[in-house]
Amino acid sequence: MTKYEMWTHGVDVQIEYPDRSVGISGDRRAQPRRSGWGTLVYQMGGTTNWFHFGIPTPAIMANQQVFLDSIRLRAEINENAQIDVVHIRHDNRKISTHEVNLTDGSTDETFYQVPKQMLLQGIALCIHIRFIPGEKLGMVIFQGAGASFSVE
């Protein structure tokens, strides 16, 4: 069995509700900061948002079908933000849901898709974040997302 990994950089994350992003001082409707290290987002407590990565997805390699094995997320998140749900989508269908509690630190989390999914369309990693009220704004830095594929 041959394995492949493909990644997308954190600058490529898409924000579902960009009008909920704020500046570091709490200014309304600030754009996220994109840089060589990824995308930095601040958001007010008591709000939520979805963040989406389109993962480069091979459907056929070496004339063989490709299967999704796992998806990985790399991010930094402060104590006023919590990644609570992760969806893996294949084309327009949700194929996997993971309830998690990722907050206050670095995350390099792998999500395994069971049963193994044969790929015919693109894969997306969708991350739901709950921003918690407090003295500080909720903050996340998306560094990248990737997937592991196998050819059988």
C-alpha atoms as a PDB file:
ATOM      1  CA  MET A   1       0.000   0.000   0.000  1.00  0.00           C
ATOM      2  CA  THR A   2       1.346   3.402  -1.024  1.00  0.00           C
ATOM      3  CA  LYS A   3       0.801   6.427   1.249  1.00  0.00           C
ATOM      4  CA  TYR A   4       0.684  10.140   0.360  1.00  0.00           C
ATOM      5  CA  GLU A   5       0.342  13.317   2.404  1.00  0.00           C
ATOM      6  CA  MET A   6      -0.824  16.662   1.097  1.00  0.00           C
ATOM      7  CA  TRP A   7      -0.929  19.960   2.976  1.00  0.00           C
ATOM      8  CA  THR A   8      -2.275  23.467   2.658  1.00  0.00           C
ATOM      9  CA  HIS A   9      -0.764  26.434   4.470  1.00  0.00           C
ATOM     10  CA  GLY A  10      -2.607  28.321   7.203  1.00  0.00           C
ATOM     11  CA  VAL A  11      -2.948  31.414   4.994  1.00  0.00           C
ATOM     12  CA  ASP A  12      -5.536  29.458   2.968  1.00  0.00           C
ATOM     13  CA  VAL A  13      -8.159  29.070   5.716  1.00  0.00           C
ATOM     14  CA  GLN A  14     -11.589  30.478   4.815  1.00  0.00           C
ATOM     15  CA  ILE A  15     -13.729  32.146   7.494  1.00  0.00           C
ATOM     16  CA  GLU A  16     -17.445  31.409   7.217  1.00  0.00           C
ATOM     17  CA  TYR A  17     -18.520  34.600   9.008  1.00  0.00           C
ATOM     18  CA  PRO A  18     -15.677  37.093   8.443  1.00  0.00           C
ATOM     19  CA  ASP A  19     -17.744  39.978   9.850  1.00  0.00           C
ATOM     20  CA  ARG A  20     -17.333  38.398  13.309  1.00  0.00           C
ATOM     21  CA  SER A  21     -13.534  38.888  13.240  1.00  0.00           C
ATOM     22  CA  VAL A  22     -12.211  41.872  15.186  1.00  0.00           C
ATOM     23  CA  GLY A  23      -8.903  43.673  15.622  1.00  0.00           C
ATOM     24  CA  ILE A  24      -6.610  43.054  18.595  1.00  0.00           C
ATOM     25  CA  SER A  25      -8.169  46.023  20.421  1.00  0.00           C
ATOM     26  CA  GLY A  26     -11.707  44.743  19.757  1.00  0.00           C
ATOM     27  CA  ASP A  27     -12.338  47.005  16.754  1.00  0.00           C
ATOM     28  CA  ARG A  28     -15.262  45.709  14.744  1.00  0.00           C
ATOM     29  CA  ARG A  29     -14.899  43.932  11.408  1.00  0.00           C
ATOM     30  CA  ALA A  30     -11.118  43.745  11.213  1.00  0.00           C
ATOM     31  CA  GLN A  31      -9.576  41.499   8.590  1.00  0.00           C
ATOM     32  CA  PRO A  32      -7.605  38.490   9.818  1.00  0.00           C
ATOM     33  CA  ARG A  33      -3.842  38.862   9.583  1.00  0.00           C
ATOM     34  CA  ARG A  34      -2.211  36.559   7.051  1.00  0.00           C
ATOM     35  CA  SER A  35       1.539  36.063   7.154  1.00  0.00           C
ATOM     36  CA  GLY A  36       4.249  33.479   6.540  1.00  0.00           C
ATOM     37  CA  TRP A  37       3.272  31.708   9.762  1.00  0.00           C
ATOM     38  CA  GLY A  38      -0.447  31.406   8.881  1.00  0.00           C
ATOM     39  CA  THR A  39      -3.680  33.281   9.588  1.00  0.00           C
ATOM     40  CA  LEU A  40      -4.319  35.121  12.868  1.00  0.00           C
ATOM     41  CA  VAL A  41      -7.948  35.691  13.890  1.00  0.00           C
ATOM     42  CA  TYR A  42      -9.358  37.561  16.901  1.00  0.00           C
ATOM     43  CA  GLN A  43     -13.023  37.319  17.827  1.00  0.00           C
ATOM     44  CA  MET A  44     -15.201  38.648  20.656  1.00  0.00           C
ATOM     45  CA  GLY A  45     -16.274  36.313  23.466  1.00  0.00           C
ATOM     46  CA  GLY A  46     -19.786  34.886  23.327  1.00  0.00           C
ATOM     47  CA  THR A  47     -19.564  34.251  19.574  1.00  0.00           C
ATOM     48  CA  THR A  48     -18.756  31.273  17.356  1.00  0.00           C
ATOM     49  CA  ASN A  49     -17.401  30.765  13.853  1.00  0.00           C
ATOM     50  CA  TRP A  50     -16.545  28.092  11.318  1.00  0.00           C
ATOM     51  CA  PHE A  51     -13.175  27.947   9.568  1.00  0.00           C
ATOM     52  CA  HIS A  52     -12.667  25.840   6.419  1.00  0.00           C
ATOM     53  CA  PHE A  53      -9.620  24.337   4.733  1.00  0.00           C
ATOM     54  CA  GLY A  54      -9.872  22.863   1.257  1.00  0.00           C
ATOM     55  CA  ILE A  55      -7.357  19.998   1.285  1.00  0.00           C
ATOM     56  CA  PRO A  56      -5.557  19.198  -2.006  1.00  0.00           C
ATOM     57  CA  THR A  57      -7.242  15.907  -2.885  1.00  0.00           C
ATOM     58  CA  PRO A  58      -6.044  13.326  -5.398  1.00  0.00           C
ATOM     59  CA  ALA A  59      -8.840  11.108  -6.753  1.00  0.00           C
ATOM     60  CA  ILE A  60      -6.632   8.806  -8.861  1.00  0.00           C
ATOM     61  CA  MET A  61      -2.883   8.216  -8.567  1.00  0.00           C
ATOM     62  CA  ALA A  62      -0.924   5.786 -10.733  1.00  0.00           C
ATOM     63  CA  ASN A  63      -4.251   4.641 -12.243  1.00  0.00           C
ATOM     64  CA  GLN A  64      -5.524   3.551  -8.811  1.00  0.00           C
ATOM     65  CA  GLN A  65      -8.302   4.739  -6.530  1.00  0.00           C
ATOM     66  CA  VAL A  66      -7.255   6.934  -3.584  1.00  0.00           C
ATOM     67  CA  PHE A  67      -8.602   6.576  -0.038  1.00  0.00           C
ATOM     68  CA  LEU A  68      -8.636   9.120   2.781  1.00  0.00           C
ATOM     69  CA  ASP A  69      -6.919   7.816   5.928  1.00  0.00           C
ATOM     70  CA  SER A  70      -6.726  10.892   8.195  1.00  0.00           C
ATOM     71  CA  ILE A  71      -6.722  14.672   8.390  1.00  0.00           C
ATOM     72  CA  ARG A  72      -4.427  16.817  10.516  1.00  0.00           C
ATOM     73  CA  LEU A  73      -4.735  20.353  11.912  1.00  0.00           C
ATOM     74  CA  ARG A  74      -1.936  22.561  13.207  1.00  0.00           C
ATOM     75  CA  ALA A  75      -2.944  25.699  15.134  1.00  0.00           C
ATOM     76  CA  GLU A  76      -2.306  27.912  18.162  1.00  0.00           C
ATOM     77  CA  ILE A  77      -5.286  28.889  20.297  1.00  0.00           C
ATOM     78  CA  ASN A  78      -5.574  30.976  23.465  1.00  0.00           C
ATOM     79  CA  GLU A  79      -7.595  30.350  26.634  1.00  0.00           C
ATOM     80  CA  ASN A  80     -10.533  32.413  25.342  1.00  0.00           C
ATOM     81  CA  ALA A  81     -11.165  30.201  22.330  1.00  0.00           C
ATOM     82  CA  GLN A  82     -12.083  26.519  22.107  1.00  0.00           C
ATOM     83  CA  ILE A  83     -12.148  24.243  19.076  1.00  0.00           C
ATOM     84  CA  ASP A  84     -15.165  22.108  19.931  1.00  0.00           C
ATOM     85  CA  VAL A  85     -16.254  20.385  16.704  1.00  0.00           C
ATOM     86  CA  VAL A  86     -14.393  19.255  13.601  1.00  0.00           C
ATOM     87  CA  HIS A  87     -16.149  18.062  10.454  1.00  0.00           C
ATOM     88  CA  ILE A  88     -14.546  16.249   7.555  1.00  0.00           C
ATOM     89  CA  ARG A  89     -16.457  16.748   4.313  1.00  0.00           C
ATOM     90  CA  HIS A  90     -16.189  14.891   1.008  1.00  0.00           C
ATOM     91  CA  ASP A  91     -17.667  17.033  -1.758  1.00  0.00           C
ATOM     92  CA  ASN A  92     -20.900  18.317  -0.188  1.00  0.00           C
ATOM     93  CA  ARG A  93     -21.347  15.473   2.336  1.00  0.00           C
ATOM     94  CA  LYS A  94     -20.213  15.415   5.955  1.00  0.00           C
ATOM     95  CA  ILE A  95     -18.431  12.076   6.368  1.00  0.00           C
ATOM     96  CA  SER A  96     -17.071  12.478   9.880  1.00  0.00           C
ATOM     97  CA  THR A  97     -17.702  14.551  13.021  1.00  0.00           C
ATOM     98  CA  HIS A  98     -15.248  14.835  15.905  1.00  0.00           C
ATOM     99  CA  GLU A  99     -16.194  16.518  19.183  1.00  0.00           C
ATOM    100  CA  VAL A 100     -13.034  17.880  20.799  1.00  0.00           C
ATOM    101  CA  ASN A 101     -11.893  20.310  23.481  1.00  0.00           C
ATOM    102  CA  LEU A 102      -8.795  22.059  22.149  1.00  0.00           C
ATOM    103  CA  THR A 103      -7.876  25.305  23.896  1.00  0.00           C
ATOM    104  CA  ASP A 104      -4.993  27.307  25.367  1.00  0.00           C
ATOM    105  CA  GLY A 105      -1.925  26.133  23.484  1.00  0.00           C
ATOM    106  CA  SER A 106      -0.528  24.508  20.377  1.00  0.00           C
ATOM    107  CA  THR A 107      -2.442  21.766  18.678  1.00  0.00           C
ATOM    108  CA  ASP A 108      -1.192  19.242  16.172  1.00  0.00           C
ATOM    109  CA  GLU A 109      -4.236  16.993  16.063  1.00  0.00           C
ATOM    110  CA  THR A 110      -4.907  14.045  13.740  1.00  0.00           C
ATOM    111  CA  PHE A 111      -8.477  13.016  12.957  1.00  0.00           C
ATOM    112  CA  TYR A 112      -9.004   9.538  11.579  1.00  0.00           C
ATOM    113  CA  GLN A 113     -11.857   8.946   9.162  1.00  0.00           C
ATOM    114  CA  VAL A 114     -13.652   5.638   9.758  1.00  0.00           C
ATOM    115  CA  PRO A 115     -14.694   3.864   7.617  1.00  0.00           C
ATOM    116  CA  LYS A 116     -12.000   4.584   5.065  1.00  0.00           C
ATOM    117  CA  GLN A 117     -13.403   6.852   2.328  1.00  0.00           C
ATOM    118  CA  MET A 118     -12.710   6.293  -1.387  1.00  0.00           C
ATOM    119  CA  LEU A 119     -12.255   9.731  -2.950  1.00  0.00           C
ATOM    120  CA  LEU A 120     -14.172  10.997  -5.945  1.00  0.00           C
ATOM    121  CA  GLN A 121     -14.286  14.739  -5.077  1.00  0.00           C
ATOM    122  CA  GLY A 122     -12.498  17.278  -2.866  1.00  0.00           C
ATOM    123  CA  ILE A 123     -11.996  17.045   0.909  1.00  0.00           C
ATOM    124  CA  ALA A 124     -12.593  19.893   3.371  1.00  0.00           C
ATOM    125  CA  LEU A 125     -11.644  20.229   7.035  1.00  0.00           C
ATOM    126  CA  CYS A 126     -14.206  22.390   8.877  1.00  0.00           C
ATOM    127  CA  ILE A 127     -13.340  23.694  12.342  1.00  0.00           C
ATOM    128  CA  HIS A 128     -15.913  25.183  14.730  1.00  0.00           C
ATOM    129  CA  ILE A 129     -14.566  27.540  17.398  1.00  0.00           C
ATOM    130  CA  ARG A 130     -16.448  28.866  20.403  1.00  0.00           C
ATOM    131  CA  PHE A 131     -15.017  32.178  21.613  1.00  0.00           C
ATOM    132  CA  ILE A 132     -15.287  32.472  25.388  1.00  0.00           C
ATOM    133  CA  PRO A 133     -16.104  35.742  27.200  1.00  0.00           C
ATOM    134  CA  GLY A 134     -13.252  37.066  29.317  1.00  0.00           C
ATOM    135  CA  GLU A 135     -10.651  39.729  29.746  1.00  0.00           C
ATOM    136  CA  LYS A 136      -8.864  38.762  26.523  1.00  0.00           C
ATOM    137  CA  LEU A 137     -10.256  38.344  23.034  1.00  0.00           C
ATOM    138  CA  GLY A 138     -10.403  34.812  21.677  1.00  0.00           C
ATOM    139  CA  MET A 139      -7.466  34.168  19.336  1.00  0.00           C
ATOM    140  CA  VAL A 140      -6.447  31.433  16.923  1.00  0.00           C
ATOM    141  CA  ILE A 141      -3.525  31.130  14.521  1.00  0.00           C
ATOM    142  CA  PHE A 142      -4.097  28.571  11.780  1.00  0.00           C
ATOM    143  CA  GLN A 143      -0.734  27.157  10.709  1.00  0.00           C
ATOM    144  CA  GLY A 144      -1.897  24.505   8.261  1.00  0.00           C
ATOM    145  CA  ALA A 145      -3.990  21.450   7.514  1.00  0.00           C
ATOM    146  CA  GLY A 146      -3.196  18.260   5.689  1.00  0.00           C
ATOM    147  CA  ALA A 147      -4.407  14.802   4.904  1.00  0.00           C
ATOM    148  CA  SER A 148      -2.981  11.315   4.587  1.00  0.00           C
ATOM    149  CA  PHE A 149      -4.099   9.216   1.631  1.00  0.00           C
ATOM    150  CA  SER A 150      -3.495   5.634   0.576  1.00  0.00           C
ATOM    151  CA  VAL A 151      -3.603   3.863  -2.776  1.00  0.00           C
ATOM    152  CA  GLU A 152      -4.523   0.202  -2.682  1.00  0.00           C
END
